[in-house]
PDB file of N, CA and C in Angstrom:
ATOM      1  N   UNK A   1      45.933  39.673  15.444  1.00  0.00           N
ATOM      2  CA  UNK A   1      45.153  38.798  14.737  1.00  0.00           C
ATOM      3  C   UNK A   1      44.604  39.465  13.414  1.00  0.00           C
ATOM      4  N   UNK A   2      43.973  38.189  12.771  1.00  0.00           N
ATOM      5  CA  UNK A   2      43.484  38.948  11.255  1.00  0.00           C
ATOM      6  C   UNK A   2      41.971  39.575  11.737  1.00  0.00           C
ATOM      7  N   UNK A   3      41.251  39.342  12.758  1.00  0.00           N
ATOM      8  CA  UNK A   3      39.894  39.657  13.471  1.00  0.00           C
ATOM      9  C   UNK A   3      40.300  41.205  13.671  1.00  0.00           C
ATOM     10  N   UNK A   4      41.476  41.599  14.076  1.00  0.00           N
ATOM     11  CA  UNK A   4      41.799  42.944  14.869  1.00  0.00           C
ATOM     12  C   UNK A   4      41.833  43.835  13.438  1.00  0.00           C
ATOM     13  N   UNK A   5      42.828  43.173  12.103  1.00  0.00           N
ATOM     14  CA  UNK A   5      42.797  44.144  11.347  1.00  0.00           C
ATOM     15  C   UNK A   5      41.672  43.789  10.094  1.00  0.00           C
ATOM     16  N   UNK A   6      40.412  43.209  10.090  1.00  0.00           N
ATOM     17  CA  UNK A   6      39.587  42.960   9.280  1.00  0.00           C
ATOM     18  C   UNK A   6      38.911  44.586   8.868  1.00  0.00           C
ATOM     19  N   UNK A   7      38.775  45.035   7.690  1.00  0.00           N
ATOM     20  CA  UNK A   7      38.119  46.361   7.630  1.00  0.00           C
ATOM     21  C   UNK A   7      36.680  46.013   7.883  1.00  0.00           C
ATOM     22  N   UNK A   8      36.273  47.242   8.651  1.00  0.00           N
ATOM     23  CA  UNK A   8      34.800  47.341   9.076  1.00  0.00           C
ATOM     24  C   UNK A   8      33.626  48.272   8.196  1.00  0.00           C
ATOM     25  N   UNK A   9      34.795  48.879   7.478  1.00  0.00           N
ATOM     26  CA  UNK A   9      33.771  50.061   6.775  1.00  0.00           C
ATOM     27  C   UNK A   9      34.342  49.750   5.228  1.00  0.00           C
ATOM     28  N   UNK A  10      33.726  50.657   4.344  1.00  0.00           N
ATOM     29  CA  UNK A  10      33.878  50.494   2.846  1.00  0.00           C
ATOM     30  C   UNK A  10      35.230  51.148   2.710  1.00  0.00           C
ATOM     31  N   UNK A  11      35.358  52.553   3.439  1.00  0.00           N
ATOM     32  CA  UNK A  11      36.464  53.010   3.545  1.00  0.00           C
ATOM     33  C   UNK A  11      37.733  52.637   4.177  1.00  0.00           C
ATOM     34  N   UNK A  12      37.553  51.553   5.239  1.00  0.00           N
ATOM     35  CA  UNK A  12      38.667  51.033   5.780  1.00  0.00           C
ATOM     36  C   UNK A  12      39.190  49.754   4.625  1.00  0.00           C
ATOM     37  N   UNK A  13      37.939  49.618   4.029  1.00  0.00           N
ATOM     38  CA  UNK A  13      38.558  48.017   3.191  1.00  0.00           C
ATOM     39  C   UNK A  13      39.138  48.926   1.555  1.00  0.00           C
ATOM     40  N   UNK A  14      38.836  50.045   1.349  1.00  0.00           N
ATOM     41  CA  UNK A  14      39.304  50.911   0.282  1.00  0.00           C
ATOM     42  C   UNK A  14      40.769  51.359   0.577  1.00  0.00           C
ATOM     43  N   UNK A  15      40.942  51.560   1.745  1.00  0.00           N
ATOM     44  CA  UNK A  15      42.274  51.932   2.413  1.00  0.00           C
ATOM     45  C   UNK A  15      43.483  50.525   2.250  1.00  0.00           C
ATOM     46  N   UNK A  16      42.901  49.396   2.704  1.00  0.00           N
ATOM     47  CA  UNK A  16      43.481  48.398   2.737  1.00  0.00           C
ATOM     48  C   UNK A  16      43.634  47.790   1.346  1.00  0.00           C
ATOM     49  N   UNK A  17      42.755  48.062   0.386  1.00  0.00           N
ATOM     50  CA  UNK A  17      43.108  47.537  -1.067  1.00  0.00           C
ATOM     51  C   UNK A  17      44.266  48.540  -1.655  1.00  0.00           C
ATOM     52  N   UNK A  18      44.012  49.806  -1.266  1.00  0.00           N
ATOM     53  CA  UNK A  18      45.145  50.780  -1.727  1.00  0.00           C
ATOM     54  C   UNK A  18      46.123  50.336  -1.326  1.00  0.00           C
ATOM     55  N   UNK A  19      46.521  50.312   0.143  1.00  0.00           N
ATOM     56  CA  UNK A  19      47.955  50.013   0.571  1.00  0.00           C
ATOM     57  C   UNK A  19      48.477  48.485  -0.164  1.00  0.00           C
ATOM     58  N   UNK A  20      47.527  47.332  -0.317  1.00  0.00           N
ATOM     59  CA  UNK A  20      48.071  46.332  -1.115  1.00  0.00           C
ATOM     60  C   UNK A  20      48.399  46.826  -2.517  1.00  0.00           C
ATOM     61  N   UNK A  21      47.574  47.485  -3.125  1.00  0.00           N
ATOM     62  CA  UNK A  21      48.010  47.908  -4.316  1.00  0.00           C
ATOM     63  C   UNK A  21      49.511  48.886  -4.521  1.00  0.00           C
ATOM     64  N   UNK A  22      49.647  49.779  -3.508  1.00  0.00           N
ATOM     65  CA  UNK A  22      50.627  50.357  -3.590  1.00  0.00           C
ATOM     66  C   UNK A  22      52.010  49.350  -3.238  1.00  0.00           C
ATOM     67  N   UNK A  23      51.675  48.019  -2.667  1.00  0.00           N
ATOM     68  CA  UNK A  23      52.961  47.309  -2.203  1.00  0.00           C
ATOM     69  C   UNK A  23      53.301  46.606  -2.994  1.00  0.00           C
ATOM     70  N   UNK A  24      51.910  46.480  -3.871  1.00  0.00           N
ATOM     71  CA  UNK A  24      52.528  45.445  -5.387  1.00  0.00           C
ATOM     72  C   UNK A  24      53.156  46.520  -6.257  1.00  0.00           C
ATOM     73  N   UNK A  25      52.676  47.420  -6.441  1.00  0.00           N
ATOM     74  CA  UNK A  25      53.261  48.293  -7.418  1.00  0.00           C
ATOM     75  C   UNK A  25      54.870  48.694  -7.220  1.00  0.00           C
ATOM     76  N   UNK A  26      55.184  48.916  -5.722  1.00  0.00           N
ATOM     77  CA  UNK A  26      56.445  49.066  -5.127  1.00  0.00           C
ATOM     78  C   UNK A  26      57.273  47.807  -5.569  1.00  0.00           C
ATOM     79  N   UNK A  27      56.897  46.700  -5.448  1.00  0.00           N
ATOM     80  CA  UNK A  27      57.674  45.494  -5.592  1.00  0.00           C
ATOM     81  C   UNK A  27      57.709  45.062  -6.996  1.00  0.00           C
ATOM     82  N   UNK A  28      56.748  45.615  -7.754  1.00  0.00           N
ATOM     83  CA  UNK A  28      56.930  45.464  -9.310  1.00  0.00           C
ATOM     84  C   UNK A  28      58.140  46.179  -9.888  1.00  0.00           C
ATOM     85  N   UNK A  29      57.882  47.747  -9.372  1.00  0.00           N
ATOM     86  CA  UNK A  29      58.759  48.797  -9.652  1.00  0.00           C
ATOM     87  C   UNK A  29      60.279  48.128  -9.162  1.00  0.00           C
ATOM     88  N   UNK A  30      60.519  47.746  -8.359  1.00  0.00           N
ATOM     89  CA  UNK A  30      61.967  46.999  -7.748  1.00  0.00           C
ATOM     90  C   UNK A  30      62.562  46.152  -8.724  1.00  0.00           C
ATOM     91  N   UNK A  31      61.554  45.040  -8.986  1.00  0.00           N
ATOM     92  CA  UNK A  31      61.802  44.079  -9.758  1.00  0.00           C
ATOM     93  C   UNK A  31      62.054  44.805 -11.345  1.00  0.00           C
ATOM     94  N   UNK A  32      61.318  45.780 -11.861  1.00  0.00           N
ATOM     95  CA  UNK A  32      61.556  45.936 -13.182  1.00  0.00           C
ATOM     96  C   UNK A  32      62.801  46.465 -13.321  1.00  0.00           C
ATOM     97  N   UNK A  33      63.203  47.312 -11.965  1.00  0.00           N
ATOM     98  CA  UNK A  33      64.789  47.873 -11.927  1.00  0.00           C
ATOM     99  C   UNK A  33      65.652  47.307 -12.186  1.00  0.00           C
ATOM    100  N   UNK A  34      65.669  46.200 -11.326  1.00  0.00           N
ATOM    101  CA  UNK A  34      66.470  45.203 -10.909  1.00  0.00           C
ATOM    102  C   UNK A  34      66.875  44.399 -12.411  1.00  0.00           C
ATOM    103  N   UNK A  35      65.542  43.986 -13.339  1.00  0.00           N
ATOM    104  CA  UNK A  35      65.871  43.337 -14.540  1.00  0.00           C
ATOM    105  C   UNK A  35      66.643  44.567 -15.609  1.00  0.00           C
ATOM    106  N   UNK A  36      65.824  45.658 -15.651  1.00  0.00           N
ATOM    107  CA  UNK A  36      66.823  46.804 -16.409  1.00  0.00           C
ATOM    108  C   UNK A  36      68.046  46.888 -16.062  1.00  0.00           C
ATOM    109  N   UNK A  37      68.537  46.844 -14.626  1.00  0.00           N
ATOM    110  CA  UNK A  37      69.851  47.095 -14.242  1.00  0.00           C
ATOM    111  C   UNK A  37      70.845  45.911 -14.882  1.00  0.00           C
ATOM    112  N   UNK A  38      70.096  44.504 -14.636  1.00  0.00           N
ATOM    113  CA  UNK A  38      70.942  43.359 -15.194  1.00  0.00           C
ATOM    114  C   UNK A  38      71.049  43.410 -16.831  1.00  0.00           C
ATOM    115  N   UNK A  39      70.242  44.130 -17.469  1.00  0.00           N
ATOM    116  CA  UNK A  39      70.230  43.751 -18.787  1.00  0.00           C
ATOM    117  C   UNK A  39      71.575  45.117 -19.542  1.00  0.00           C
ATOM    118  N   UNK A  40      71.225  45.960 -18.779  1.00  0.00           N
ATOM    119  CA  UNK A  40      72.314  47.132 -18.774  1.00  0.00           C
ATOM    120  C   UNK A  40      73.727  46.556 -18.870  1.00  0.00           C
ATOM    121  N   UNK A  41      73.866  46.117 -17.382  1.00  0.00           N
ATOM    122  CA  UNK A  41      75.515  45.196 -17.121  1.00  0.00           C
ATOM    123  C   UNK A  41      75.680  44.338 -18.292  1.00  0.00           C
ATOM    124  N   UNK A  42      74.583  43.604 -18.753  1.00  0.00           N
ATOM    125  CA  UNK A  42      74.765  42.461 -19.715  1.00  0.00           C
ATOM    126  C   UNK A  42      75.186  43.219 -21.071  1.00  0.00           C
ATOM    127  N   UNK A  43      74.587  44.051 -21.513  1.00  0.00           N
ATOM    128  CA  UNK A  43      74.842  44.615 -22.682  1.00  0.00           C
ATOM    129  C   UNK A  43      76.014  45.456 -22.599  1.00  0.00           C
ATOM    130  N   UNK A  44      76.664  46.127 -21.662  1.00  0.00           N
ATOM    131  CA  UNK A  44      77.857  46.650 -21.402  1.00  0.00           C
ATOM    132  C   UNK A  44      78.878  45.574 -21.657  1.00  0.00           C
ATOM    133  N   UNK A  45      78.725  44.500 -20.904  1.00  0.00           N
ATOM    134  CA  UNK A  45      79.959  43.264 -20.746  1.00  0.00           C
ATOM    135  C   UNK A  45      79.929  42.825 -21.915  1.00  0.00           C
ATOM    136  N   UNK A  46      78.948  42.810 -22.848  1.00  0.00           N
ATOM    137  CA  UNK A  46      78.822  42.382 -24.346  1.00  0.00           C
ATOM    138  C   UNK A  46      79.872  43.388 -25.223  1.00  0.00           C
ATOM    139  N   UNK A  47      79.687  44.601 -25.276  1.00  0.00           N
ATOM    140  CA  UNK A  47      80.467  45.468 -25.522  1.00  0.00           C
ATOM    141  C   UNK A  47      81.925  45.842 -25.072  1.00  0.00           C
ATOM    142  N   UNK A  48      82.153  45.191 -23.812  1.00  0.00           N
ATOM    143  CA  UNK A  48      83.550  45.359 -23.276  1.00  0.00           C
ATOM    144  C   UNK A  48      84.078  44.057 -23.882  1.00  0.00           C
ATOM    145  N   UNK A  49      83.362  42.866 -23.976  1.00  0.00           N
ATOM    146  CA  UNK A  49      84.185  41.651 -24.660  1.00  0.00           C
ATOM    147  C   UNK A  49      84.298  42.108 -26.090  1.00  0.00           C
ATOM    148  N   UNK A  50      83.334  42.841 -26.967  1.00  0.00           N
ATOM    149  CA  UNK A  50      83.771  43.373 -28.228  1.00  0.00           C
ATOM    150  C   UNK A  50      84.876  44.080 -28.283  1.00  0.00           C
ATOM    151  N   UNK A  51      84.959  44.961 -27.774  1.00  0.00           N
ATOM    152  CA  UNK A  51      86.200  46.085 -27.375  1.00  0.00           C
ATOM    153  C   UNK A  51      87.454  45.130 -27.033  1.00  0.00           C
ATOM    154  N   UNK A  52      87.454  44.295 -26.224  1.00  0.00           N
ATOM    155  CA  UNK A  52      88.632  43.633 -25.858  1.00  0.00           C
ATOM    156  C   UNK A  52      89.188  42.706 -26.936  1.00  0.00           C
ATOM    157  N   UNK A  53      88.114  41.973 -27.849  1.00  0.00           N
ATOM    158  CA  UNK A  53      88.344  41.056 -28.819  1.00  0.00           C
ATOM    159  C   UNK A  53      88.983  42.062 -29.830  1.00  0.00           C
ATOM    160  N   UNK A  54      88.375  43.297 -30.154  1.00  0.00           N
ATOM    161  CA  UNK A  54      88.704  44.042 -30.972  1.00  0.00           C
ATOM    162  C   UNK A  54      90.400  44.564 -31.028  1.00  0.00           C
ATOM    163  N   UNK A  55      90.620  44.794 -29.594  1.00  0.00           N
ATOM    164  CA  UNK A  55      92.164  45.369 -29.344  1.00  0.00           C
ATOM    165  C   UNK A  55      93.032  44.259 -29.342  1.00  0.00           C
ATOM    166  N   UNK A  56      92.589  43.089 -28.845  1.00  0.00           N
ATOM    167  CA  UNK A  56      93.311  41.896 -28.826  1.00  0.00           C
ATOM    168  C   UNK A  56      94.071  41.625 -30.789  1.00  0.00           C
ATOM    169  N   UNK A  57      92.703  42.001 -31.419  1.00  0.00           N
ATOM    170  CA  UNK A  57      92.773  41.752 -33.036  1.00  0.00           C
ATOM    171  C   UNK A  57      93.754  42.795 -33.497  1.00  0.00           C
ATOM    172  N   UNK A  58      93.698  43.893 -33.178  1.00  0.00           N
ATOM    173  CA  UNK A  58      94.828  44.814 -33.471  1.00  0.00           C
ATOM    174  C   UNK A  58      96.178  44.529 -32.919  1.00  0.00           C
ATOM    175  N   UNK A  59      95.978  44.135 -31.904  1.00  0.00           N
ATOM    176  CA  UNK A  59      97.502  43.596 -31.209  1.00  0.00           C
ATOM    177  C   UNK A  59      98.309  42.612 -32.011  1.00  0.00           C
ATOM    178  N   UNK A  60      97.541  41.404 -32.731  1.00  0.00           N
ATOM    179  CA  UNK A  60      97.697  40.566 -33.132  1.00  0.00           C
ATOM    180  C   UNK A  60      97.608  39.343 -32.232  1.00  0.00           C
ATOM    181  N   UNK A  61      96.978  39.323 -31.158  1.00  0.00           N
ATOM    182  CA  UNK A  61      96.852  37.988 -30.013  1.00  0.00           C
ATOM    183  C   UNK A  61      95.851  37.219 -30.894  1.00  0.00           C
ATOM    184  N   UNK A  62      95.174  37.339 -31.544  1.00  0.00           N
ATOM    185  CA  UNK A  62      94.309  36.133 -32.323  1.00  0.00           C
ATOM    186  C   UNK A  62      95.058  35.170 -32.978  1.00  0.00           C
ATOM    187  N   UNK A  63      96.286  35.323 -33.191  1.00  0.00           N
ATOM    188  CA  UNK A  63      97.416  34.311 -33.781  1.00  0.00           C
ATOM    189  C   UNK A  63      97.286  33.307 -32.449  1.00  0.00           C
ATOM    190  N   UNK A  64      97.420  33.752 -31.133  1.00  0.00           N
ATOM    191  CA  UNK A  64      97.591  32.888 -30.152  1.00  0.00           C
ATOM    192  C   UNK A  64      96.454  31.773 -29.808  1.00  0.00           C
ATOM    193  N   UNK A  65      95.333  32.802 -30.115  1.00  0.00           N
ATOM    194  CA  UNK A  65      94.140  31.713 -29.875  1.00  0.00           C
ATOM    195  C   UNK A  65      93.938  30.732 -30.958  1.00  0.00           C
ATOM    196  N   UNK A  66      94.264  31.168 -32.103  1.00  0.00           N
ATOM    197  CA  UNK A  66      94.249  30.097 -33.579  1.00  0.00           C
ATOM    198  C   UNK A  66      94.800  28.873 -33.217  1.00  0.00           C
ATOM    199  N   UNK A  67      95.965  29.007 -32.597  1.00  0.00           N
ATOM    200  CA  UNK A  67      96.681  28.030 -32.441  1.00  0.00           C
ATOM    201  C   UNK A  67      96.020  26.603 -31.585  1.00  0.00           C
ATOM    202  N   UNK A  68      95.213  27.045 -30.961  1.00  0.00           N
ATOM    203  CA  UNK A  68      94.285  26.107 -30.080  1.00  0.00           C
ATOM    204  C   UNK A  68      93.182  25.613 -30.875  1.00  0.00           C
ATOM    205  N   UNK A  69      92.813  26.045 -31.919  1.00  0.00           N
ATOM    206  CA  UNK A  69      91.307  25.775 -32.773  1.00  0.00           C
ATOM    207  C   UNK A  69      91.977  24.812 -34.119  1.00  0.00           C
ATOM    208  N   UNK A  70      91.119  23.989 -34.112  1.00  0.00           N
ATOM    209  CA  UNK A  70      91.164  23.020 -35.294  1.00  0.00           C
ATOM    210  C   UNK A  70      90.912  23.780 -36.425  1.00  0.00           C
ATOM    211  N   UNK A  71      91.832  23.564 -37.601  1.00  0.00           N
ATOM    212  CA  UNK A  71      91.826  24.302 -38.752  1.00  0.00           C
ATOM    213  C   UNK A  71      90.617  23.854 -39.579  1.00  0.00           C
ATOM    214  N   UNK A  72      89.974  24.984 -40.489  1.00  0.00           N
ATOM    215  CA  UNK A  72      88.682  24.788 -40.925  1.00  0.00           C
ATOM    216  C   UNK A  72      88.944  23.697 -41.987  1.00  0.00           C
ATOM    217  N   UNK A  73      89.977  23.922 -42.868  1.00  0.00           N
ATOM    218  CA  UNK A  73      90.565  22.769 -43.947  1.00  0.00           C
ATOM    219  C   UNK A  73      90.792  21.701 -43.437  1.00  0.00           C
ATOM    220  N   UNK A  74      90.456  20.631 -43.201  1.00  0.00           N
ATOM    221  CA  UNK A  74      90.723  19.474 -42.499  1.00  0.00           C
ATOM    222  C   UNK A  74      90.398  18.220 -43.297  1.00  0.00           C
ATOM    223  N   UNK A  75      90.631  18.302 -45.143  1.00  0.00           N
ATOM    224  CA  UNK A  75      89.968  17.506 -45.500  1.00  0.00           C
ATOM    225  C   UNK A  75      91.028  16.232 -45.882  1.00  0.00           C
TER     226      UNK A  75
END
């Protein structure tokens, strides 16, 4: 129960607070690492998409895509 774990001295309270702060720091670091990891994957996927688009352009594949698009000069 909570009564059994209640700190009874300043040293015990300090230890409890330090433990909680360390747990919060660990969770924050984990979330931060996950966010950074996702951003890196996102940036890499953007680079990959650009590289694929460039390769398709070089291979002349953009003409196939262009057939499905509405012409810009539709006056």
